[in-house]
Amino acid sequence: MNHDLAEKTAGLASRINNLAVNHVGKTCRQLLELQDRLAKLTLVAIVKELNAEHDAYKEALSGLNEAVDFIGNADKKIKAINKTIKLTAQAVDLVEKALKNAIV
């Protein structure tokens, strides 16, 4: 079983949480909602048997990698928070799609 999806999803959740604690208002709420979704998806990805060769799986990993690369270490100085939220939301949607289409 391949655990890359679960590990990348958890890693993105951690980075988003780090950003959320350094923001307030609507931005903080959006980040926390994304972090919550990512945390739940991590748990699903852990228990599902996933095929790393499936297109949806590859797309999800690509989306996660793009978001993680953009965020970097998720320090409070990140300037493009709206792009961060957009990339993370796209990654979440791709992970959900991969988990719905889980094929062993």
Foldseek 3Di string as FASTA:
>chain_A
DDLLLLVLLLVLLVLLQQQLVLDDDPLNVLSVVLSVLSVVLSVLSVPADADCPDPLNVVLSVLSVVLCVQCPNNHNPDDPSVVSSVSSVVSSVSSVVRSVVGDD
